[in-house]
């Protein structure tokens, strides 16, 4: 399993032997735990959408 090539920066990966720092294209060591969105072949993370805040309008206000 490899870290995605389009990753900007580094990832700290916990392994049984300690913590390693990986960059884009690096191989994840055996026993390393990495979120699926950081590895090659994973689907891109869904972008958050802005939520519409509801509520009543102040008296006398209109569009």
N, C-alpha and C. Protein backbone atom coordinates (compact mmCIF):
# COMPACT_ATOMS: atom_id res chain seq x y z
N UNK A 1 0.85 -1.16 0.00
CA UNK A 1 0.00 0.00 0.00
C UNK A 1 0.90 1.23 0.00
N UNK A 2 0.56 2.21 -0.86
CA UNK A 2 1.37 3.41 -1.01
C UNK A 2 0.55 4.66 -0.71
N UNK A 3 1.23 5.70 -0.22
CA UNK A 3 0.60 6.99 0.01
C UNK A 3 0.31 7.64 -1.35
N UNK A 4 -0.83 8.29 -1.46
CA UNK A 4 -1.24 8.92 -2.72
C UNK A 4 -0.17 9.87 -3.24
N UNK A 5 0.00 9.90 -4.56
CA UNK A 5 0.99 10.77 -5.19
C UNK A 5 0.61 12.25 -5.13
N UNK A 6 -0.68 12.55 -4.95
CA UNK A 6 -1.11 13.95 -4.94
C UNK A 6 -1.17 14.54 -3.53
N UNK A 7 -0.63 13.84 -2.56
CA UNK A 7 -0.62 14.34 -1.18
C UNK A 7 0.41 15.45 -1.03
N UNK A 8 -0.01 16.56 -0.47
CA UNK A 8 0.91 17.66 -0.15
C UNK A 8 1.25 17.55 1.33
N UNK A 9 2.52 17.45 1.64
CA UNK A 9 2.94 17.36 3.04
C UNK A 9 3.35 15.96 3.41
N UNK A 10 3.21 15.66 4.70
CA UNK A 10 3.62 14.35 5.21
C UNK A 10 2.52 13.74 6.07
N UNK A 11 2.67 12.45 6.34
CA UNK A 11 1.74 11.70 7.17
C UNK A 11 2.54 10.97 8.24
N UNK A 12 2.10 11.06 9.48
CA UNK A 12 2.72 10.31 10.57
C UNK A 12 1.96 8.99 10.69
N UNK A 13 2.69 7.88 10.54
CA UNK A 13 2.08 6.55 10.54
C UNK A 13 2.58 5.77 11.75
N UNK A 14 1.64 5.23 12.51
CA UNK A 14 1.98 4.42 13.68
C UNK A 14 2.19 2.97 13.24
N UNK A 15 3.32 2.40 13.63
CA UNK A 15 3.64 1.01 13.33
C UNK A 15 3.99 0.32 14.64
N UNK A 16 4.10 -1.00 14.63
CA UNK A 16 4.51 -1.70 15.85
C UNK A 16 5.90 -1.29 16.34
N UNK A 17 6.75 -0.79 15.43
CA UNK A 17 8.11 -0.38 15.80
C UNK A 17 8.23 1.10 16.16
N UNK A 18 7.13 1.84 16.06
CA UNK A 18 7.18 3.26 16.36
C UNK A 18 6.47 4.06 15.29
N UNK A 19 6.78 5.33 15.23
CA UNK A 19 6.13 6.23 14.28
C UNK A 19 7.10 6.54 13.13
N UNK A 20 6.57 6.51 11.90
CA UNK A 20 7.36 6.88 10.73
C UNK A 20 6.65 8.03 10.02
N UNK A 21 7.42 8.85 9.31
CA UNK A 21 6.87 9.96 8.56
C UNK A 21 6.95 9.61 7.07
N UNK A 22 5.82 9.67 6.39
CA UNK A 22 5.76 9.30 4.98
C UNK A 22 5.28 10.49 4.15
N UNK A 23 5.75 10.55 2.92
CA UNK A 23 5.33 11.58 1.97
C UNK A 23 4.68 10.89 0.77
N UNK A 24 4.22 11.68 -0.18
CA UNK A 24 3.56 11.15 -1.37
C UNK A 24 4.43 10.09 -2.05
N UNK A 25 3.81 8.96 -2.40
CA UNK A 25 4.51 7.89 -3.11
C UNK A 25 5.24 6.91 -2.21
N UNK A 26 5.37 7.20 -0.92
CA UNK A 26 6.07 6.29 0.00
C UNK A 26 5.23 5.06 0.30
N UNK A 27 5.91 3.95 0.50
CA UNK A 27 5.27 2.69 0.86
C UNK A 27 4.95 2.68 2.35
N UNK A 28 3.74 2.25 2.70
CA UNK A 28 3.35 2.14 4.11
C UNK A 28 3.97 0.86 4.67
N UNK A 29 4.73 0.95 5.77
CA UNK A 29 5.36 -0.25 6.33
C UNK A 29 4.35 -1.25 6.85
N UNK A 30 4.78 -2.51 6.94
CA UNK A 30 3.91 -3.56 7.49
C UNK A 30 3.44 -3.17 8.88
N UNK A 31 2.16 -3.33 9.12
CA UNK A 31 1.59 -3.00 10.42
C UNK A 31 1.22 -1.54 10.57
N UNK A 32 1.51 -0.72 9.55
CA UNK A 32 1.18 0.70 9.61
C UNK A 32 -0.31 0.92 9.44
N UNK A 33 -0.85 1.86 10.20
CA UNK A 33 -2.28 2.17 10.13
C UNK A 33 -2.44 3.53 9.47
N UNK A 34 -3.12 3.52 8.30
CA UNK A 34 -3.32 4.74 7.52
C UNK A 34 -4.77 4.79 7.07
N UNK A 35 -5.37 5.97 7.15
CA UNK A 35 -6.74 6.13 6.68
C UNK A 35 -6.81 5.83 5.19
N UNK A 36 -7.88 5.20 4.74
CA UNK A 36 -8.02 4.76 3.36
C UNK A 36 -7.93 5.89 2.35
N UNK A 37 -8.35 7.11 2.70
CA UNK A 37 -8.31 8.21 1.73
C UNK A 37 -6.90 8.68 1.43
N UNK A 38 -5.91 8.22 2.19
CA UNK A 38 -4.52 8.62 1.98
C UNK A 38 -3.74 7.66 1.09
N UNK A 39 -4.33 6.54 0.72
CA UNK A 39 -3.59 5.54 -0.05
C UNK A 39 -4.02 5.51 -1.50
N UNK A 40 -3.12 5.02 -2.35
CA UNK A 40 -3.37 4.91 -3.78
C UNK A 40 -4.58 4.00 -4.00
N UNK A 41 -5.46 4.43 -4.91
CA UNK A 41 -6.62 3.63 -5.25
C UNK A 41 -7.86 3.97 -4.44
N UNK A 42 -7.73 4.83 -3.45
CA UNK A 42 -8.88 5.22 -2.65
C UNK A 42 -9.67 6.30 -3.37
N UNK A 43 -10.96 6.36 -3.10
CA UNK A 43 -11.78 7.42 -3.67
C UNK A 43 -11.45 8.72 -2.95
N UNK A 44 -11.51 9.84 -3.68
CA UNK A 44 -11.25 11.12 -3.02
C UNK A 44 -12.30 11.40 -1.95
N UNK A 45 -11.91 12.11 -0.92
CA UNK A 45 -12.83 12.43 0.15
C UNK A 45 -13.92 13.36 -0.37
N UNK A 46 -15.14 13.15 0.09
CA UNK A 46 -16.24 14.01 -0.31
C UNK A 46 -16.05 15.40 0.28
N UNK A 47 -16.33 16.40 -0.53
CA UNK A 47 -16.20 17.77 -0.05
C UNK A 47 -17.40 18.10 0.84
N UNK A 48 -17.13 18.82 1.89
CA UNK A 48 -18.21 19.24 2.78
C UNK A 48 -19.04 20.30 2.07
N UNK A 49 -20.33 20.23 2.26
CA UNK A 49 -21.21 21.23 1.68
C UNK A 49 -21.67 22.17 2.77
N UNK A 50 -21.85 23.39 2.39
CA UNK A 50 -22.31 24.39 3.36
C UNK A 50 -23.76 24.08 3.73
N UNK A 51 -24.04 24.13 5.00
CA UNK A 51 -25.41 23.88 5.42
C UNK A 51 -26.15 25.20 5.48
N UNK A 52 -27.41 25.14 5.13
CA UNK A 52 -28.23 26.33 5.17
C UNK A 52 -28.76 26.51 6.58
N UNK A 53 -28.53 27.66 7.12
CA UNK A 53 -29.00 27.92 8.48
C UNK A 53 -30.39 28.50 8.39
N UNK A 54 -31.29 27.91 9.11
CA UNK A 54 -32.67 28.38 9.10
C UNK A 54 -32.91 29.36 10.23
N UNK A 55 -34.13 29.72 10.38
CA UNK A 55 -34.51 30.63 11.46
C UNK A 55 -35.44 31.69 10.94
N UNK A 56 -36.02 32.39 11.84
CA UNK A 56 -36.97 33.43 11.48
C UNK A 56 -36.24 34.72 11.17
N UNK A 57 -36.80 35.48 10.26
CA UNK A 57 -36.24 36.79 9.93
C UNK A 57 -36.68 37.81 10.97
N UNK A 58 -35.86 38.80 11.12
CA UNK A 58 -36.21 39.88 12.04
C UNK A 58 -37.41 40.64 11.51
N UNK A 59 -38.23 41.15 12.38
CA UNK A 59 -39.43 41.90 11.98
C UNK A 59 -39.04 43.09 11.12
N UNK A 60 -39.79 43.29 10.03
CA UNK A 60 -39.55 44.43 9.17
C UNK A 60 -38.48 44.22 8.11
N UNK A 61 -37.85 43.08 8.08
CA UNK A 61 -36.80 42.79 7.08
C UNK A 61 -37.42 42.03 5.91
N UNK A 62 -37.02 42.35 4.70
CA UNK A 62 -37.49 41.61 3.53
C UNK A 62 -36.34 41.53 2.53
N UNK A 63 -36.52 40.68 1.53
CA UNK A 63 -35.49 40.50 0.49
C UNK A 63 -35.48 41.63 -0.45
